[in-house]
């Protein structure tokens, strides 16, 4: 495959999918990025393994049976298949609705959000640095491969994002001025969320329409993937 098949590091030009289903999603949505697929004989009874081999044969993608290498690359993931792919870049669609994550810090949350976005038909994700690596195998595993259905782009600051896209901004904050059920989402819109620990800084209140998701006082806030899921449902429920 002409790449170092070692434990993933952010600086690599390639990454991995751990598991049968994420690997199938890679083969389906990003076959042009696939460098090869590693499979383990431990998964011989898994029905998805035959699908992987069929897809690879059809698309002329190299398959290597190597139990030791699979176990070494994904020691805690119980993976029967690993897709090896080169990283890629794409540009957000200026006409599409966006989800914007400001400084996300948890790979599992990022993967869950990617899967939720796919479920609600919003495919463009802006990520404001500093942020976790969306190509990390743990983030891809958490998305169950839905990452490959998205268009995602990193930005050095929220100002950088705003300069490139003239979207209607909906800032989700615990002290937002407008309850979610009163919000009318005018496309193209951007649903903007802060990171898991601090949320959006107070300065964001004046940048667009600030929105709050009402909940009981038994909690101080919803977790990030839950908030994104609720917001996506409300923003897209009347779409024809």
C-alpha atoms as a PDB file:
ATOM      1  CA  UNK A   1       0.000   0.000   0.000  1.00  0.00           C
ATOM      2  CA  UNK A   2       3.091   2.189   0.122  1.00  0.00           C
ATOM      3  CA  UNK A   3       2.166   3.793   3.470  1.00  0.00           C
ATOM      4  CA  UNK A   4       3.438   3.020   6.984  1.00  0.00           C
ATOM      5  CA  UNK A   5       0.910   0.648   8.518  1.00  0.00           C
ATOM      6  CA  UNK A   6       1.466   1.780  12.089  1.00  0.00           C
ATOM      7  CA  UNK A   7      -0.744   3.032  14.887  1.00  0.00           C
ATOM      8  CA  UNK A   8      -2.514   6.162  13.696  1.00  0.00           C
ATOM      9  CA  UNK A   9      -0.921   9.562  14.154  1.00  0.00           C
ATOM     10  CA  UNK A  10      -2.502  12.877  13.230  1.00  0.00           C
ATOM     11  CA  UNK A  11       0.415  13.829  11.005  1.00  0.00           C
ATOM     12  CA  UNK A  12      -0.086  10.800   8.748  1.00  0.00           C
ATOM     13  CA  UNK A  13      -1.422  11.409   5.232  1.00  0.00           C
ATOM     14  CA  UNK A  14      -3.592   8.326   5.650  1.00  0.00           C
ATOM     15  CA  UNK A  15      -5.988   6.902   8.208  1.00  0.00           C
ATOM     16  CA  UNK A  16      -8.007   3.775   8.960  1.00  0.00           C
ATOM     17  CA  UNK A  17     -11.525   2.502   9.367  1.00  0.00           C
ATOM     18  CA  UNK A  18     -11.878  -0.001  12.194  1.00  0.00           C
ATOM     19  CA  UNK A  19     -14.697  -2.452  11.629  1.00  0.00           C
ATOM     20  CA  UNK A  20     -16.782  -4.023   8.894  1.00  0.00           C
ATOM     21  CA  UNK A  21     -19.542  -1.433   8.597  1.00  0.00           C
ATOM     22  CA  UNK A  22     -17.290   1.680   8.582  1.00  0.00           C
ATOM     23  CA  UNK A  23     -15.123  -0.025   5.975  1.00  0.00           C
ATOM     24  CA  UNK A  24     -18.153  -0.710   3.788  1.00  0.00           C
ATOM     25  CA  UNK A  25     -19.157   2.952   4.101  1.00  0.00           C
ATOM     26  CA  UNK A  26     -15.655   3.970   3.020  1.00  0.00           C
ATOM     27  CA  UNK A  27     -15.859   1.697  -0.006  1.00  0.00           C
ATOM     28  CA  UNK A  28     -19.285   3.038  -0.882  1.00  0.00           C
ATOM     29  CA  UNK A  29     -18.725   6.763  -0.505  1.00  0.00           C
ATOM     30  CA  UNK A  30     -14.951   7.321  -0.903  1.00  0.00           C
ATOM     31  CA  UNK A  31     -13.624   4.448  -3.080  1.00  0.00           C
ATOM     32  CA  UNK A  32     -11.226   6.838  -4.803  1.00  0.00           C
ATOM     33  CA  UNK A  33      -9.446   7.408  -1.479  1.00  0.00           C
ATOM     34  CA  UNK A  34      -8.994   3.735  -0.557  1.00  0.00           C
ATOM     35  CA  UNK A  35      -5.415   2.449  -0.557  1.00  0.00           C
ATOM     36  CA  UNK A  36      -6.319  -1.076   0.456  1.00  0.00           C
ATOM     37  CA  UNK A  37      -8.241  -3.208   2.928  1.00  0.00           C
ATOM     38  CA  UNK A  38      -6.908  -5.492   5.645  1.00  0.00           C
ATOM     39  CA  UNK A  39      -9.080  -8.357   6.821  1.00  0.00           C
ATOM     40  CA  UNK A  40      -8.859 -10.922   9.616  1.00  0.00           C
ATOM     41  CA  UNK A  41      -9.829 -14.565   9.436  1.00  0.00           C
ATOM     42  CA  UNK A  42     -11.589 -14.051  12.793  1.00  0.00           C
ATOM     43  CA  UNK A  43     -14.430 -12.390  10.907  1.00  0.00           C
ATOM     44  CA  UNK A  44     -15.075 -15.245   8.505  1.00  0.00           C
ATOM     45  CA  UNK A  45     -18.623 -15.710   9.833  1.00  0.00           C
ATOM     46  CA  UNK A  46     -19.496 -12.028   9.547  1.00  0.00           C
ATOM     47  CA  UNK A  47     -21.776 -11.484   6.548  1.00  0.00           C
ATOM     48  CA  UNK A  48     -20.270  -8.078   5.877  1.00  0.00           C
ATOM     49  CA  UNK A  49     -16.865  -9.564   5.110  1.00  0.00           C
ATOM     50  CA  UNK A  50     -18.125 -11.101   1.869  1.00  0.00           C
ATOM     51  CA  UNK A  51     -19.538  -7.715   0.875  1.00  0.00           C
ATOM     52  CA  UNK A  52     -16.182  -6.085   1.491  1.00  0.00           C
ATOM     53  CA  UNK A  53     -14.394  -8.616  -0.669  1.00  0.00           C
ATOM     54  CA  UNK A  54     -16.999  -8.234  -3.421  1.00  0.00           C
ATOM     55  CA  UNK A  55     -16.728  -4.436  -3.371  1.00  0.00           C
ATOM     56  CA  UNK A  56     -12.944  -4.570  -3.440  1.00  0.00           C
ATOM     57  CA  UNK A  57     -12.959  -7.033  -6.339  1.00  0.00           C
ATOM     58  CA  UNK A  58     -15.425  -4.890  -8.266  1.00  0.00           C
ATOM     59  CA  UNK A  59     -13.411  -1.717  -7.705  1.00  0.00           C
ATOM     60  CA  UNK A  60     -10.020  -3.415  -8.014  1.00  0.00           C
ATOM     61  CA  UNK A  61      -8.939  -2.518  -4.505  1.00  0.00           C
ATOM     62  CA  UNK A  62      -6.175  -4.529  -2.853  1.00  0.00           C
ATOM     63  CA  UNK A  63      -7.241  -6.889  -0.046  1.00  0.00           C
ATOM     64  CA  UNK A  64      -4.746  -8.431   2.352  1.00  0.00           C
ATOM     65  CA  UNK A  65      -5.529 -11.147   4.907  1.00  0.00           C
ATOM     66  CA  UNK A  66      -3.352 -10.361   7.904  1.00  0.00           C
ATOM     67  CA  UNK A  67      -4.649 -11.219  11.386  1.00  0.00           C
ATOM     68  CA  UNK A  68      -1.585  -9.916  13.218  1.00  0.00           C
ATOM     69  CA  UNK A  69      -1.616  -6.541  11.490  1.00  0.00           C
ATOM     70  CA  UNK A  70      -5.357  -6.069  12.085  1.00  0.00           C
ATOM     71  CA  UNK A  71      -4.899  -6.868  15.780  1.00  0.00           C
ATOM     72  CA  UNK A  72      -1.922  -4.531  16.050  1.00  0.00           C
ATOM     73  CA  UNK A  73      -3.594  -1.557  14.375  1.00  0.00           C
ATOM     74  CA  UNK A  74      -6.904  -1.935  16.211  1.00  0.00           C
ATOM     75  CA  UNK A  75      -6.077  -3.791  19.453  1.00  0.00           C
ATOM     76  CA  UNK A  76      -9.147  -2.613  21.398  1.00  0.00           C
ATOM     77  CA  UNK A  77     -11.682  -2.338  18.600  1.00  0.00           C
ATOM     78  CA  UNK A  78     -12.468  -6.002  17.873  1.00  0.00           C
ATOM     79  CA  UNK A  79     -12.169  -5.141  14.206  1.00  0.00           C
ATOM     80  CA  UNK A  80     -12.400  -7.792  11.522  1.00  0.00           C
ATOM     81  CA  UNK A  81     -11.641  -5.347   8.714  1.00  0.00           C
ATOM     82  CA  UNK A  82      -9.578  -2.189   8.384  1.00  0.00           C
ATOM     83  CA  UNK A  83      -9.831   0.171   5.456  1.00  0.00           C
ATOM     84  CA  UNK A  84      -6.679   2.119   4.721  1.00  0.00           C
ATOM     85  CA  UNK A  85      -7.378   5.414   2.970  1.00  0.00           C
ATOM     86  CA  UNK A  86      -5.621   8.614   2.037  1.00  0.00           C
ATOM     87  CA  UNK A  87      -6.892  11.778   3.657  1.00  0.00           C
ATOM     88  CA  UNK A  88      -8.758  14.209   1.447  1.00  0.00           C
ATOM     89  CA  UNK A  89     -10.069  17.758   1.447  1.00  0.00           C
ATOM     90  CA  UNK A  90     -13.364  19.169   0.238  1.00  0.00           C
ATOM     91  CA  UNK A  91     -14.948  22.626   0.177  1.00  0.00           C
ATOM     92  CA  UNK A  92     -18.265  23.398   1.840  1.00  0.00           C
ATOM     93  CA  UNK A  93     -21.189  24.246  -0.433  1.00  0.00           C
ATOM     94  CA  UNK A  94     -22.122  27.920  -0.075  1.00  0.00           C
ATOM     95  CA  UNK A  95     -25.740  27.085  -0.950  1.00  0.00           C
ATOM     96  CA  UNK A  96     -26.115  24.284   1.602  1.00  0.00           C
ATOM     97  CA  UNK A  97     -27.076  24.438   5.262  1.00  0.00           C
ATOM     98  CA  UNK A  98     -24.170  23.949   7.659  1.00  0.00           C
ATOM     99  CA  UNK A  99     -23.437  22.668  11.125  1.00  0.00           C
ATOM    100  CA  UNK A 100     -20.567  24.608  12.713  1.00  0.00           C
ATOM    101  CA  UNK A 101     -18.636  23.149  15.649  1.00  0.00           C
ATOM    102  CA  UNK A 102     -16.421  25.619  17.485  1.00  0.00           C
ATOM    103  CA  UNK A 103     -13.440  23.873  19.096  1.00  0.00           C
ATOM    104  CA  UNK A 104     -14.910  20.354  19.521  1.00  0.00           C
ATOM    105  CA  UNK A 105     -12.705  18.350  21.856  1.00  0.00           C
ATOM    106  CA  UNK A 106     -14.150  14.829  21.948  1.00  0.00           C
ATOM    107  CA  UNK A 107     -13.675  12.360  19.080  1.00  0.00           C
ATOM    108  CA  UNK A 108     -16.642  10.243  20.081  1.00  0.00           C
ATOM    109  CA  UNK A 109     -18.930  13.260  20.068  1.00  0.00           C
ATOM    110  CA  UNK A 110     -17.631  14.359  16.691  1.00  0.00           C
ATOM    111  CA  UNK A 111     -18.358  10.952  15.207  1.00  0.00           C
ATOM    112  CA  UNK A 112     -21.838  10.832  16.741  1.00  0.00           C
ATOM    113  CA  UNK A 113     -22.618  14.276  15.325  1.00  0.00           C
ATOM    114  CA  UNK A 114     -21.454  13.204  11.868  1.00  0.00           C
ATOM    115  CA  UNK A 115     -23.875  10.268  11.965  1.00  0.00           C
ATOM    116  CA  UNK A 116     -26.705  12.471  13.235  1.00  0.00           C
ATOM    117  CA  UNK A 117     -26.116  15.009  10.476  1.00  0.00           C
ATOM    118  CA  UNK A 118     -26.363  12.282   7.872  1.00  0.00           C
ATOM    119  CA  UNK A 119     -29.602  11.095   9.433  1.00  0.00           C
ATOM    120  CA  UNK A 120     -31.179  14.536   9.062  1.00  0.00           C
ATOM    121  CA  UNK A 121     -29.819  15.199   5.586  1.00  0.00           C
ATOM    122  CA  UNK A 122     -27.412  18.012   6.454  1.00  0.00           C
ATOM    123  CA  UNK A 123     -24.083  17.134   4.871  1.00  0.00           C
ATOM    124  CA  UNK A 124     -21.820  20.181   5.366  1.00  0.00           C
ATOM    125  CA  UNK A 125     -19.776  20.450   8.556  1.00  0.00           C
ATOM    126  CA  UNK A 126     -17.491  23.347   9.479  1.00  0.00           C
ATOM    127  CA  UNK A 127     -14.974  22.724  12.261  1.00  0.00           C
ATOM    128  CA  UNK A 128     -13.271  25.663  13.958  1.00  0.00           C
ATOM    129  CA  UNK A 129      -9.755  25.068  15.269  1.00  0.00           C
ATOM    130  CA  UNK A 130      -8.417  24.132  17.719  1.00  0.00           C
ATOM    131  CA  UNK A 131     -10.362  20.930  17.306  1.00  0.00           C
ATOM    132  CA  UNK A 132     -10.071  17.166  17.333  1.00  0.00           C
ATOM    133  CA  UNK A 133      -9.092  15.265  14.224  1.00  0.00           C
ATOM    134  CA  UNK A 134     -12.089  14.043  12.226  1.00  0.00           C
ATOM    135  CA  UNK A 135      -9.831  11.513  10.480  1.00  0.00           C
ATOM    136  CA  UNK A 136      -8.875   9.805  13.736  1.00  0.00           C
ATOM    137  CA  UNK A 137     -10.051   6.176  13.535  1.00  0.00           C
ATOM    138  CA  UNK A 138     -11.896   6.591  16.835  1.00  0.00           C
ATOM    139  CA  UNK A 139     -13.955   9.461  15.423  1.00  0.00           C
ATOM    140  CA  UNK A 140     -14.677   7.500  12.244  1.00  0.00           C
ATOM    141  CA  UNK A 141     -15.657   4.427  14.266  1.00  0.00           C
ATOM    142  CA  UNK A 142     -18.048   6.545  16.370  1.00  0.00           C
ATOM    143  CA  UNK A 143     -19.684   7.819  13.189  1.00  0.00           C
ATOM    144  CA  UNK A 144     -20.086   4.240  11.899  1.00  0.00           C
ATOM    145  CA  UNK A 145     -18.552   5.526   8.678  1.00  0.00           C
ATOM    146  CA  UNK A 146     -21.082   8.359   8.224  1.00  0.00           C
ATOM    147  CA  UNK A 147     -18.105  10.722   8.105  1.00  0.00           C
ATOM    148  CA  UNK A 148     -17.588   9.650   4.502  1.00  0.00           C
ATOM    149  CA  UNK A 149     -21.032  10.973   3.564  1.00  0.00           C
ATOM    150  CA  UNK A 150     -20.179  14.476   4.772  1.00  0.00           C
ATOM    151  CA  UNK A 151     -18.386  17.458   3.348  1.00  0.00           C
ATOM    152  CA  UNK A 152     -16.224  18.859   6.139  1.00  0.00           C
ATOM    153  CA  UNK A 153     -13.767  21.707   6.268  1.00  0.00           C
ATOM    154  CA  UNK A 154     -11.530  23.132   9.000  1.00  0.00           C
ATOM    155  CA  UNK A 155     -11.215  26.875   9.651  1.00  0.00           C
ATOM    156  CA  UNK A 156      -8.663  28.694  11.764  1.00  0.00           C
ATOM    157  CA  UNK A 157     -11.316  30.908  13.370  1.00  0.00           C
ATOM    158  CA  UNK A 158     -15.048  31.570  13.336  1.00  0.00           C
ATOM    159  CA  UNK A 159     -14.300  34.916  11.700  1.00  0.00           C
ATOM    160  CA  UNK A 160     -12.566  33.054   8.883  1.00  0.00           C
ATOM    161  CA  UNK A 161     -15.702  30.950   8.407  1.00  0.00           C
ATOM    162  CA  UNK A 162     -17.989  34.003   8.419  1.00  0.00           C
ATOM    163  CA  UNK A 163     -15.873  35.766   5.815  1.00  0.00           C
ATOM    164  CA  UNK A 164     -16.369  32.867   3.417  1.00  0.00           C
ATOM    165  CA  UNK A 165     -20.069  32.159   3.971  1.00  0.00           C
ATOM    166  CA  UNK A 166     -22.951  34.617   4.205  1.00  0.00           C
ATOM    167  CA  UNK A 167     -25.289  32.262   6.072  1.00  0.00           C
ATOM    168  CA  UNK A 168     -28.032  32.988   8.564  1.00  0.00           C
ATOM    169  CA  UNK A 169     -26.394  32.228  11.891  1.00  0.00           C
ATOM    170  CA  UNK A 170     -28.194  30.424  14.703  1.00  0.00           C
ATOM    171  CA  UNK A 171     -26.007  30.350  17.798  1.00  0.00           C
ATOM    172  CA  UNK A 172     -26.977  27.651  20.308  1.00  0.00           C
ATOM    173  CA  UNK A 173     -26.325  28.889  23.838  1.00  0.00           C
ATOM    174  CA  UNK A 174     -27.760  28.132  27.278  1.00  0.00           C
ATOM    175  CA  UNK A 175     -28.647  31.848  27.616  1.00  0.00           C
ATOM    176  CA  UNK A 176     -29.846  32.262  24.037  1.00  0.00           C
ATOM    177  CA  UNK A 177     -32.584  34.859  23.590  1.00  0.00           C
ATOM    178  CA  UNK A 178     -34.959  32.739  21.483  1.00  0.00           C
ATOM    179  CA  UNK A 179     -36.431  29.383  22.602  1.00  0.00           C
ATOM    180  CA  UNK A 180     -35.899  26.690  19.991  1.00  0.00           C
ATOM    181  CA  UNK A 181     -39.607  26.206  19.290  1.00  0.00           C
ATOM    182  CA  UNK A 182     -39.903  29.896  18.355  1.00  0.00           C
ATOM    183  CA  UNK A 183     -36.966  29.863  15.931  1.00  0.00           C
ATOM    184  CA  UNK A 184     -37.617  30.011  12.194  1.00  0.00           C
ATOM    185  CA  UNK A 185     -34.620  28.701  10.311  1.00  0.00           C
ATOM    186  CA  UNK A 186     -34.074  30.612   7.089  1.00  0.00           C
ATOM    187  CA  UNK A 187     -31.788  28.808   4.629  1.00  0.00           C
ATOM    188  CA  UNK A 188     -29.002  28.762   3.991  1.00  0.00           C
ATOM    189  CA  UNK A 189     -28.456  28.504   7.723  1.00  0.00           C
ATOM    190  CA  UNK A 190     -25.595  27.632  10.009  1.00  0.00           C
ATOM    191  CA  UNK A 191     -26.302  25.903  13.313  1.00  0.00           C
ATOM    192  CA  UNK A 192     -23.402  26.923  15.543  1.00  0.00           C
ATOM    193  CA  UNK A 193     -22.333  25.075  18.699  1.00  0.00           C
ATOM    194  CA  UNK A 194     -19.516  25.562  21.196  1.00  0.00           C
ATOM    195  CA  UNK A 195     -17.335  22.891  22.677  1.00  0.00           C
ATOM    196  CA  UNK A 196     -18.341  20.302  25.233  1.00  0.00           C
ATOM    197  CA  UNK A 197     -17.036  22.037  28.354  1.00  0.00           C
ATOM    198  CA  UNK A 198     -17.642  25.750  27.827  1.00  0.00           C
ATOM    199  CA  UNK A 199     -20.128  26.183  24.996  1.00  0.00           C
ATOM    200  CA  UNK A 200     -19.962  29.344  22.913  1.00  0.00           C
ATOM    201  CA  UNK A 201     -18.333  32.460  24.425  1.00  0.00           C
ATOM    202  CA  UNK A 202     -20.702  35.281  25.360  1.00  0.00           C
ATOM    203  CA  UNK A 203     -19.448  37.383  22.464  1.00  0.00           C
ATOM    204  CA  UNK A 204     -21.355  35.108  20.080  1.00  0.00           C
ATOM    205  CA  UNK A 205     -24.723  36.373  21.383  1.00  0.00           C
ATOM    206  CA  UNK A 206     -24.642  39.344  19.043  1.00  0.00           C
ATOM    207  CA  UNK A 207     -23.410  37.538  15.930  1.00  0.00           C
ATOM    208  CA  UNK A 208     -26.792  36.207  14.796  1.00  0.00           C
ATOM    209  CA  UNK A 209     -29.912  34.656  16.280  1.00  0.00           C
ATOM    210  CA  UNK A 210     -29.063  33.149  19.657  1.00  0.00           C
ATOM    211  CA  UNK A 211     -31.170  30.085  20.436  1.00  0.00           C
ATOM    212  CA  UNK A 212     -31.684  28.110  23.614  1.00  0.00           C
ATOM    213  CA  UNK A 213     -33.017  24.563  23.970  1.00  0.00           C
ATOM    214  CA  UNK A 214     -35.329  24.620  27.032  1.00  0.00           C
ATOM    215  CA  UNK A 215     -34.849  21.857  29.607  1.00  0.00           C
ATOM    216  CA  UNK A 216     -35.449  21.326  33.301  1.00  0.00           C
ATOM    217  CA  UNK A 217     -33.191  22.768  35.959  1.00  0.00           C
ATOM    218  CA  UNK A 218     -32.138  19.253  36.927  1.00  0.00           C
ATOM    219  CA  UNK A 219     -29.212  19.643  34.522  1.00  0.00           C
ATOM    220  CA  UNK A 220     -27.060  22.643  33.631  1.00  0.00           C
ATOM    221  CA  UNK A 221     -26.936  21.829  29.915  1.00  0.00           C
ATOM    222  CA  UNK A 222     -27.471  19.115  27.334  1.00  0.00           C
ATOM    223  CA  UNK A 223     -24.472  17.241  26.004  1.00  0.00           C
ATOM    224  CA  UNK A 224     -23.242  18.380  22.615  1.00  0.00           C
ATOM    225  CA  UNK A 225     -24.435  15.495  20.375  1.00  0.00           C
ATOM    226  CA  UNK A 226     -27.905  15.639  21.966  1.00  0.00           C
ATOM    227  CA  UNK A 227     -28.152  19.401  21.429  1.00  0.00           C
ATOM    228  CA  UNK A 228     -27.055  19.065  17.810  1.00  0.00           C
ATOM    229  CA  UNK A 229     -29.588  16.290  17.198  1.00  0.00           C
ATOM    230  CA  UNK A 230     -32.487  18.292  18.668  1.00  0.00           C
ATOM    231  CA  UNK A 231     -31.478  21.391  16.699  1.00  0.00           C
ATOM    232  CA  UNK A 232     -31.175  19.453  13.438  1.00  0.00           C
ATOM    233  CA  UNK A 233     -34.605  17.929  13.925  1.00  0.00           C
ATOM    234  CA  UNK A 234     -36.221  21.321  14.491  1.00  0.00           C
ATOM    235  CA  UNK A 235     -34.324  23.007  11.652  1.00  0.00           C
ATOM    236  CA  UNK A 236     -35.191  20.337   9.078  1.00  0.00           C
ATOM    237  CA  UNK A 237     -38.623  19.017  10.121  1.00  0.00           C
ATOM    238  CA  UNK A 238     -40.586  21.217   7.716  1.00  0.00           C
ATOM    239  CA  UNK A 239     -38.326  20.631   4.754  1.00  0.00           C
ATOM    240  CA  UNK A 240     -40.149  19.423   1.664  1.00  0.00           C
END
